[in-house]
Amino acid sequence: MRKILCAIALVVLVTPAFAADKFAGTWKLNTQKSTGPSTPTAEQLVSTGDGTDRLIAVSGKAPDGSPIMTKFSVPMQGGTGKIIDAVPFTSVKSKPFKDTSEEFMFMIDGKPVMQIHSVLSSDGKVMTATRKVMGGPVKPGTYTDVWEKQ
């Protein structure tokens, strides 16, 4: 009986580490369904994870035609991440990832300037991200970005 309980405990503890990351993959911004004061004209997001951290890279074009390039990593259990290439952001934090939602806070010199809360559709093919911009280089306001999995 003890061996059975140990085996069950092991499965319960290890299975989440191997669960599929529903946010992983390549996503394309649907500019027709996205809203906000300055929605990019084109954008692609690539999300990869190793079970411990998630690496996110976003590239595209801003409404004025200038390039967008953001790259950062965050711990999937929540906490302070690492800015790799996300000018002008100096730091990023994440809340613990859930099965169908994630949240990030970007800061400049310790001051929060943008919060992103993303939710997956039930089929996992659409990600809706609500961005609340409080300052920084993007016009303050609330944006809704609709991403489609490629």
N, C-alpha and C. Protein backbone atom coordinates (compact mmCIF):
# COMPACT_ATOMS: atom_id res chain seq x y z
N MET A 1 0.83 -1.19 0.00
CA MET A 1 0.00 0.00 0.00
C MET A 1 0.87 1.26 0.00
N ARG A 2 1.95 1.18 0.78
CA ARG A 2 2.84 2.33 0.87
C ARG A 2 3.48 2.63 -0.48
N LYS A 3 3.86 1.58 -1.22
CA LYS A 3 4.47 1.77 -2.54
C LYS A 3 3.46 2.40 -3.50
N ILE A 4 2.22 2.01 -3.40
CA ILE A 4 1.17 2.56 -4.27
C ILE A 4 0.98 4.04 -3.97
N LEU A 5 0.93 4.41 -2.71
CA LEU A 5 0.78 5.81 -2.33
C LEU A 5 1.97 6.64 -2.80
N CYS A 6 3.17 6.09 -2.68
CA CYS A 6 4.37 6.80 -3.16
C CYS A 6 4.33 6.98 -4.67
N ALA A 7 3.88 5.97 -5.39
CA ALA A 7 3.78 6.05 -6.85
C ALA A 7 2.76 7.12 -7.25
N ILE A 8 1.61 7.14 -6.58
CA ILE A 8 0.57 8.14 -6.87
C ILE A 8 1.11 9.54 -6.59
N ALA A 9 1.78 9.70 -5.46
CA ALA A 9 2.35 11.01 -5.11
C ALA A 9 3.35 11.46 -6.16
N LEU A 10 4.18 10.57 -6.64
CA LEU A 10 5.17 10.90 -7.65
C LEU A 10 4.50 11.35 -8.95
N VAL A 11 3.47 10.65 -9.37
CA VAL A 11 2.74 11.01 -10.59
C VAL A 11 2.11 12.39 -10.43
N VAL A 12 1.50 12.65 -9.29
CA VAL A 12 0.84 13.94 -9.05
C VAL A 12 1.86 15.07 -9.06
N LEU A 13 3.04 14.86 -8.52
CA LEU A 13 4.05 15.91 -8.47
C LEU A 13 4.78 16.11 -9.79
N VAL A 14 4.98 15.07 -10.55
CA VAL A 14 5.76 15.16 -11.78
C VAL A 14 4.91 15.54 -12.99
N THR A 15 3.68 15.12 -13.06
CA THR A 15 2.83 15.35 -14.23
C THR A 15 2.75 16.83 -14.63
N PRO A 16 2.55 17.78 -13.70
CA PRO A 16 2.49 19.17 -14.14
C PRO A 16 3.74 19.64 -14.86
N ALA A 17 4.88 19.12 -14.51
CA ALA A 17 6.13 19.52 -15.17
C ALA A 17 6.14 19.13 -16.64
N PHE A 18 5.41 18.08 -16.99
CA PHE A 18 5.38 17.61 -18.38
C PHE A 18 4.10 18.01 -19.10
N ALA A 19 3.22 18.73 -18.42
CA ALA A 19 1.98 19.16 -19.06
C ALA A 19 2.30 20.12 -20.19
N ALA A 20 1.51 20.06 -21.25
CA ALA A 20 1.74 20.93 -22.40
C ALA A 20 1.51 22.38 -22.02
N ASP A 21 2.44 23.23 -22.42
CA ASP A 21 2.31 24.67 -22.20
C ASP A 21 1.43 25.20 -23.32
N LYS A 22 0.21 25.57 -22.98
CA LYS A 22 -0.76 26.00 -24.00
C LYS A 22 -0.40 27.34 -24.64
N PHE A 23 0.48 28.11 -23.98
CA PHE A 23 0.90 29.40 -24.54
C PHE A 23 2.10 29.25 -25.48
N ALA A 24 2.75 28.11 -25.46
CA ALA A 24 3.94 27.89 -26.30
C ALA A 24 3.54 27.88 -27.77
N GLY A 25 4.42 28.42 -28.58
CA GLY A 25 4.19 28.40 -30.02
C GLY A 25 4.36 29.77 -30.64
N THR A 26 3.96 29.86 -31.90
CA THR A 26 4.03 31.10 -32.66
C THR A 26 2.63 31.67 -32.80
N TRP A 27 2.49 32.95 -32.49
CA TRP A 27 1.21 33.64 -32.53
C TRP A 27 1.32 34.85 -33.44
N LYS A 28 0.25 35.13 -34.19
CA LYS A 28 0.21 36.29 -35.07
C LYS A 28 -0.90 37.22 -34.60
N LEU A 29 -0.58 38.52 -34.52
CA LEU A 29 -1.57 39.51 -34.10
C LEU A 29 -2.62 39.69 -35.18
N ASN A 30 -3.89 39.59 -34.80
CA ASN A 30 -4.98 39.89 -35.72
C ASN A 30 -5.30 41.37 -35.54
N THR A 31 -4.77 42.20 -36.43
CA THR A 31 -4.92 43.65 -36.29
C THR A 31 -6.36 44.11 -36.50
N GLN A 32 -7.16 43.32 -37.22
CA GLN A 32 -8.56 43.68 -37.46
C GLN A 32 -9.39 43.56 -36.18
N LYS A 33 -9.04 42.60 -35.32
CA LYS A 33 -9.80 42.37 -34.09
C LYS A 33 -9.18 43.06 -32.88
N SER A 34 -7.97 43.57 -33.01
CA SER A 34 -7.28 44.24 -31.91
C SER A 34 -7.70 45.71 -31.85
N THR A 35 -7.72 46.25 -30.64
CA THR A 35 -8.15 47.64 -30.47
C THR A 35 -7.20 48.37 -29.55
N GLY A 36 -7.22 49.70 -29.64
CA GLY A 36 -6.41 50.52 -28.75
C GLY A 36 -5.91 51.75 -29.46
N PRO A 37 -5.38 52.72 -28.69
CA PRO A 37 -4.95 53.98 -29.27
C PRO A 37 -3.81 53.86 -30.28
N SER A 38 -2.99 52.82 -30.19
CA SER A 38 -1.92 52.66 -31.19
C SER A 38 -1.58 51.18 -31.37
N THR A 39 -2.48 50.47 -32.04
CA THR A 39 -2.29 49.05 -32.30
C THR A 39 -1.22 48.87 -33.38
N PRO A 40 -0.25 47.95 -33.18
CA PRO A 40 0.77 47.71 -34.21
C PRO A 40 0.14 47.29 -35.54
N THR A 41 0.85 47.57 -36.63
CA THR A 41 0.33 47.19 -37.95
C THR A 41 0.62 45.72 -38.25
N ALA A 42 1.61 45.15 -37.60
CA ALA A 42 1.94 43.73 -37.77
C ALA A 42 2.76 43.31 -36.56
N GLU A 43 2.50 42.10 -36.10
CA GLU A 43 3.28 41.63 -34.95
C GLU A 43 3.21 40.11 -34.87
N GLN A 44 4.32 39.52 -34.46
CA GLN A 44 4.40 38.08 -34.25
C GLN A 44 5.01 37.84 -32.87
N LEU A 45 4.49 36.85 -32.16
CA LEU A 45 4.97 36.50 -30.83
C LEU A 45 5.37 35.03 -30.84
N VAL A 46 6.56 34.74 -30.31
CA VAL A 46 7.02 33.36 -30.19
C VAL A 46 7.26 33.11 -28.71
N SER A 47 6.59 32.09 -28.17
CA SER A 47 6.70 31.75 -26.76
C SER A 47 7.20 30.32 -26.62
N THR A 48 8.28 30.16 -25.86
CA THR A 48 8.83 28.83 -25.60
C THR A 48 9.08 28.70 -24.11
N GLY A 49 9.02 27.48 -23.62
CA GLY A 49 9.25 27.27 -22.20
C GLY A 49 9.98 25.97 -21.95
N ASP A 50 10.68 25.91 -20.82
CA ASP A 50 11.39 24.69 -20.46
C ASP A 50 10.83 24.06 -19.18
N GLY A 51 9.63 24.50 -18.77
CA GLY A 51 9.03 24.00 -17.55
C GLY A 51 9.35 24.86 -16.35
N THR A 52 10.44 25.61 -16.42
CA THR A 52 10.84 26.50 -15.34
C THR A 52 10.65 27.96 -15.74
N ASP A 53 11.13 28.30 -16.93
CA ASP A 53 11.04 29.67 -17.43
C ASP A 53 10.35 29.70 -18.78
N ARG A 54 9.80 30.85 -19.11
CA ARG A 54 9.22 31.06 -20.42
C ARG A 54 10.00 32.18 -21.09
N LEU A 55 10.37 31.97 -22.35
CA LEU A 55 11.05 32.98 -23.16
C LEU A 55 10.03 33.49 -24.17
N ILE A 56 9.89 34.81 -24.24
CA ILE A 56 8.91 35.41 -25.15
C ILE A 56 9.63 36.43 -26.01
N ALA A 57 9.43 36.32 -27.33
CA ALA A 57 10.01 37.26 -28.29
C ALA A 57 8.89 37.80 -29.16
N VAL A 58 8.80 39.12 -29.24
CA VAL A 58 7.77 39.78 -30.05
C VAL A 58 8.47 40.66 -31.07
N SER A 59 8.05 40.55 -32.33
CA SER A 59 8.62 41.41 -33.37
C SER A 59 7.49 41.89 -34.27
N GLY A 60 7.69 43.06 -34.88
CA GLY A 60 6.67 43.59 -35.76
C GLY A 60 6.94 45.04 -36.12
N LYS A 61 5.84 45.73 -36.48
CA LYS A 61 5.93 47.14 -36.86
C LYS A 61 4.91 47.94 -36.06
N ALA A 62 5.39 49.07 -35.53
CA ALA A 62 4.52 50.00 -34.82
C ALA A 62 3.68 50.77 -35.84
N PRO A 63 2.62 51.46 -35.41
CA PRO A 63 1.78 52.21 -36.36
C PRO A 63 2.57 53.22 -37.19
N ASP A 64 3.67 53.76 -36.64
CA ASP A 64 4.47 54.73 -37.39
C ASP A 64 5.49 54.07 -38.32
N GLY A 65 5.49 52.73 -38.36
CA GLY A 65 6.40 52.00 -39.23
C GLY A 65 7.71 51.59 -38.58
N SER A 66 7.96 52.07 -37.38
CA SER A 66 9.20 51.71 -36.69
C SER A 66 9.14 50.26 -36.23
N PRO A 67 10.31 49.61 -36.14
CA PRO A 67 10.32 48.20 -35.76
C PRO A 67 10.00 48.01 -34.28
N ILE A 68 9.35 46.88 -33.98
CA ILE A 68 9.09 46.46 -32.61
C ILE A 68 9.92 45.22 -32.36
N MET A 69 10.69 45.21 -31.27
CA MET A 69 11.44 44.03 -30.89
C MET A 69 11.48 43.96 -29.38
N THR A 70 10.88 42.95 -28.84
CA THR A 70 10.85 42.74 -27.39
C THR A 70 11.20 41.29 -27.12
N LYS A 71 12.11 41.07 -26.17
CA LYS A 71 12.49 39.71 -25.81
C LYS A 71 12.76 39.69 -24.31
N PHE A 72 12.10 38.75 -23.62
CA PHE A 72 12.29 38.65 -22.18
C PHE A 72 11.99 37.23 -21.73
N SER A 73 12.45 36.90 -20.53
CA SER A 73 12.13 35.61 -19.94
C SER A 73 11.56 35.86 -18.55
N VAL A 74 10.66 34.97 -18.13
CA VAL A 74 10.03 35.07 -16.82
C VAL A 74 9.88 33.67 -16.23
N PRO A 75 9.95 33.57 -14.89
CA PRO A 75 9.72 32.26 -14.27
C PRO A 75 8.24 31.88 -14.34
N MET A 76 7.96 30.63 -14.68
CA MET A 76 6.57 30.19 -14.80
C MET A 76 5.87 30.12 -13.44
N GLN A 77 6.65 30.04 -12.37
CA GLN A 77 6.07 30.03 -11.03
C GLN A 77 5.82 31.45 -10.52
N GLY A 78 6.13 32.45 -11.35
CA GLY A 78 5.93 33.84 -10.96
C GLY A 78 7.19 34.43 -10.36
N GLY A 79 7.33 35.73 -10.51
CA GLY A 79 8.48 36.42 -9.95
C GLY A 79 9.17 37.30 -10.97
N THR A 80 10.34 37.77 -10.61
CA THR A 80 11.10 38.69 -11.45
C THR A 80 11.75 37.94 -12.60
N GLY A 81 11.57 38.49 -13.79
CA GLY A 81 12.15 37.91 -14.98
C GLY A 81 13.37 38.68 -15.42
N LYS A 82 13.76 38.46 -16.67
CA LYS A 82 14.97 39.08 -17.21
C LYS A 82 14.63 39.74 -18.54
N ILE A 83 14.96 41.02 -18.66
CA ILE A 83 14.80 41.73 -19.92
C ILE A 83 16.02 41.39 -20.78
N ILE A 84 15.78 40.87 -21.96
CA ILE A 84 16.87 40.54 -22.88
C ILE A 84 17.01 41.64 -23.92
N ASP A 85 15.89 42.05 -24.50
CA ASP A 85 15.86 43.13 -25.48
C ASP A 85 14.44 43.69 -25.47
N ALA A 86 14.20 44.69 -24.64
CA ALA A 86 12.86 45.26 -24.53
C ALA A 86 12.96 46.73 -24.15
N VAL A 87 13.67 47.49 -24.95
CA VAL A 87 13.85 48.91 -24.70
C VAL A 87 12.48 49.56 -24.74
N PRO A 88 12.11 50.38 -23.80
CA PRO A 88 12.88 50.97 -22.71
C PRO A 88 12.66 50.26 -21.36
N PHE A 89 11.99 49.11 -21.37
CA PHE A 89 11.70 48.43 -20.11
C PHE A 89 12.99 47.98 -19.43
N THR A 90 13.03 48.12 -18.12
CA THR A 90 14.22 47.72 -17.37
C THR A 90 13.98 46.47 -16.54
N SER A 91 12.71 46.12 -16.31
CA SER A 91 12.41 44.89 -15.57
C SER A 91 11.01 44.39 -15.89
N VAL A 92 10.80 43.10 -15.59
CA VAL A 92 9.50 42.47 -15.83
C VAL A 92 9.24 41.47 -14.72
N LYS A 93 7.98 41.37 -14.32
CA LYS A 93 7.57 40.38 -13.32
C LYS A 93 6.39 39.61 -13.88
N SER A 94 6.25 38.37 -13.43
CA SER A 94 5.09 37.57 -13.83
C SER A 94 4.40 37.05 -12.59
N LYS A 95 3.11 36.79 -12.75
CA LYS A 95 2.37 36.08 -11.72
C LYS A 95 2.45 34.61 -12.07
N PRO A 96 2.22 33.70 -11.13
CA PRO A 96 2.27 32.28 -11.48
C PRO A 96 1.35 31.97 -12.67
N PHE A 97 1.87 31.21 -13.62
CA PHE A 97 1.09 30.88 -14.81
C PHE A 97 0.00 29.89 -14.46
N LYS A 98 -1.15 30.10 -15.04
CA LYS A 98 -2.26 29.17 -14.88
C LYS A 98 -2.44 28.47 -16.22
N ASP A 99 -3.31 27.53 -16.26
CA ASP A 99 -3.54 26.73 -17.46
C ASP A 99 -3.93 27.59 -18.66
N THR A 100 -4.78 28.59 -18.45
CA THR A 100 -5.28 29.38 -19.57
C THR A 100 -5.11 30.88 -19.38
N SER A 101 -4.28 31.31 -18.43
CA SER A 101 -4.05 32.75 -18.27
C SER A 101 -2.62 33.01 -17.79
N GLU A 102 -2.15 34.20 -18.11
CA GLU A 102 -0.83 34.64 -17.68
C GLU A 102 -0.86 36.15 -17.49
N GLU A 103 0.05 36.66 -16.67
CA GLU A 103 0.08 38.10 -16.42
C GLU A 103 1.52 38.58 -16.24
N PHE A 104 1.81 39.73 -16.86
CA PHE A 104 3.13 40.33 -16.79
C PHE A 104 3.00 41.80 -16.39
N MET A 105 4.02 42.32 -15.69
CA MET A 105 4.10 43.73 -15.37
C MET A 105 5.48 44.21 -15.81
N PHE A 106 5.50 45.18 -16.71
CA PHE A 106 6.75 45.77 -17.20
C PHE A 106 7.00 47.07 -16.46
N MET A 107 8.27 47.32 -16.15
CA MET A 107 8.63 48.50 -15.39
C MET A 107 9.81 49.23 -16.03
N ILE A 108 9.89 50.52 -15.75
CA ILE A 108 11.04 51.33 -16.10
C ILE A 108 11.56 51.91 -14.79
N ASP A 109 12.77 51.52 -14.45
CA ASP A 109 13.41 51.97 -13.20
C ASP A 109 12.50 51.75 -11.99
N GLY A 110 11.87 50.59 -11.92
CA GLY A 110 11.04 50.22 -10.78
C GLY A 110 9.62 50.74 -10.82
N LYS A 111 9.29 51.57 -11.79
CA LYS A 111 7.93 52.13 -11.88
C LYS A 111 7.12 51.33 -12.90
N PRO A 112 5.96 50.77 -12.48
CA PRO A 112 5.12 50.03 -13.43
C PRO A 112 4.62 50.92 -14.56
N VAL A 113 4.81 50.46 -15.81
CA VAL A 113 4.36 51.24 -16.96
C VAL A 113 3.40 50.46 -17.87
N MET A 114 3.40 49.12 -17.76
CA MET A 114 2.49 48.34 -18.60
C MET A 114 2.19 46.99 -17.95
N GLN A 115 0.90 46.68 -17.90
CA GLN A 115 0.44 45.39 -17.37
C GLN A 115 -0.26 44.66 -18.50
N ILE A 116 0.07 43.37 -18.66
CA ILE A 116 -0.57 42.56 -19.70
C ILE A 116 -1.19 41.33 -19.05
N HIS A 117 -2.47 41.12 -19.30
CA HIS A 117 -3.18 39.94 -18.81
C HIS A 117 -3.71 39.20 -20.03
N SER A 118 -3.25 37.96 -20.25
CA SER A 118 -3.64 37.17 -21.43
C SER A 118 -4.46 35.97 -21.02
N VAL A 119 -5.48 35.68 -21.84
CA VAL A 119 -6.37 34.54 -21.60
C VAL A 119 -6.53 33.78 -22.90
N LEU A 120 -6.44 32.44 -22.82
CA LEU A 120 -6.63 31.58 -23.99
C LEU A 120 -8.10 31.23 -24.17
N SER A 121 -8.49 31.07 -25.43
CA SER A 121 -9.83 30.57 -25.72
C SER A 121 -9.91 29.10 -25.33
N SER A 122 -11.12 28.58 -25.26
CA SER A 122 -11.30 27.19 -24.82
C SER A 122 -10.61 26.19 -25.76
N ASP A 123 -10.49 26.53 -27.06
CA ASP A 123 -9.83 25.61 -27.99
C ASP A 123 -8.31 25.87 -28.08
N GLY A 124 -7.81 26.90 -27.37
CA GLY A 124 -6.38 27.18 -27.34
C GLY A 124 -5.82 27.82 -28.60
N LYS A 125 -6.69 28.26 -29.50
CA LYS A 125 -6.23 28.81 -30.77
C LYS A 125 -6.19 30.33 -30.81
N VAL A 126 -6.84 30.97 -29.81
CA VAL A 126 -6.89 32.43 -29.76
C VAL A 126 -6.48 32.88 -28.36
N MET A 127 -5.59 33.86 -28.32
CA MET A 127 -5.16 34.44 -27.06
C MET A 127 -5.56 35.91 -27.08
N THR A 128 -6.33 36.33 -26.07
CA THR A 128 -6.74 37.72 -25.96
C THR A 128 -5.94 38.36 -24.82
N ALA A 129 -5.19 39.38 -25.16
CA ALA A 129 -4.34 40.05 -24.18
C ALA A 129 -4.86 41.47 -23.95
N THR A 130 -5.12 41.79 -22.69
CA THR A 130 -5.51 43.14 -22.32
C THR A 130 -4.28 43.84 -21.78
N ARG A 131 -3.87 44.92 -22.47
CA ARG A 131 -2.70 45.70 -22.04
C ARG A 131 -3.17 47.00 -21.43
N LYS A 132 -2.76 47.25 -20.21
CA LYS A 132 -3.04 48.52 -19.57
C LYS A 132 -1.71 49.27 -19.54
N VAL A 133 -1.63 50.37 -20.29
CA VAL A 133 -0.41 51.16 -20.38
C VAL A 133 -0.56 52.38 -19.49
N MET A 134 0.37 52.52 -18.55
CA MET A 134 0.33 53.62 -17.60
C MET A 134 1.37 54.70 -17.89
N GLY A 135 2.28 54.46 -18.81
CA GLY A 135 3.33 55.41 -19.12
C GLY A 135 4.35 54.79 -20.04
N GLY A 136 5.47 55.45 -20.17
CA GLY A 136 6.52 54.93 -21.05
C GLY A 136 6.33 55.42 -22.47
N PRO A 137 6.86 54.67 -23.46
CA PRO A 137 6.85 55.13 -24.84
C PRO A 137 5.52 54.96 -25.56
N VAL A 138 4.62 54.15 -25.02
CA VAL A 138 3.33 53.89 -25.67
C VAL A 138 2.28 54.79 -25.03
N LYS A 139 1.39 55.31 -25.86
CA LYS A 139 0.32 56.18 -25.37
C LYS A 139 -0.48 55.47 -24.29
N PRO A 140 -0.65 56.10 -23.11
CA PRO A 140 -1.44 55.46 -22.04
C PRO A 140 -2.85 55.12 -22.50
N GLY A 141 -3.36 54.03 -22.00
CA GLY A 141 -4.70 53.58 -22.35
C GLY A 141 -4.81 52.08 -22.18
N THR A 142 -5.96 51.57 -22.56
CA THR A 142 -6.20 50.14 -22.50
C THR A 142 -6.33 49.61 -23.91
N TYR A 143 -5.59 48.54 -24.18
CA TYR A 143 -5.54 47.93 -25.51
C TYR A 143 -6.04 46.49 -25.40
N THR A 144 -6.62 45.99 -26.45
CA THR A 144 -6.96 44.58 -26.53
C THR A 144 -6.27 44.01 -27.76
N ASP A 145 -5.37 43.06 -27.53
CA ASP A 145 -4.64 42.42 -28.61
C ASP A 145 -5.19 41.00 -28.78
N VAL A 146 -5.57 40.66 -30.00
CA VAL A 146 -6.09 39.34 -30.30
C VAL A 146 -5.04 38.60 -31.13
N TRP A 147 -4.54 37.51 -30.56
CA TRP A 147 -3.48 36.71 -31.19
C TRP A 147 -4.04 35.38 -31.64
N GLU A 148 -3.62 34.94 -32.83
CA GLU A 148 -4.06 33.64 -33.36
C GLU A 148 -2.86 32.71 -33.47
N LYS A 149 -3.03 31.49 -32.96
CA LYS A 149 -1.95 30.53 -32.98
C LYS A 149 -1.69 30.07 -34.41
N GLN A 150 -0.43 30.01 -34.77
CA GLN A 150 -0.04 29.62 -36.14
C GLN A 150 0.29 28.16 -36.21
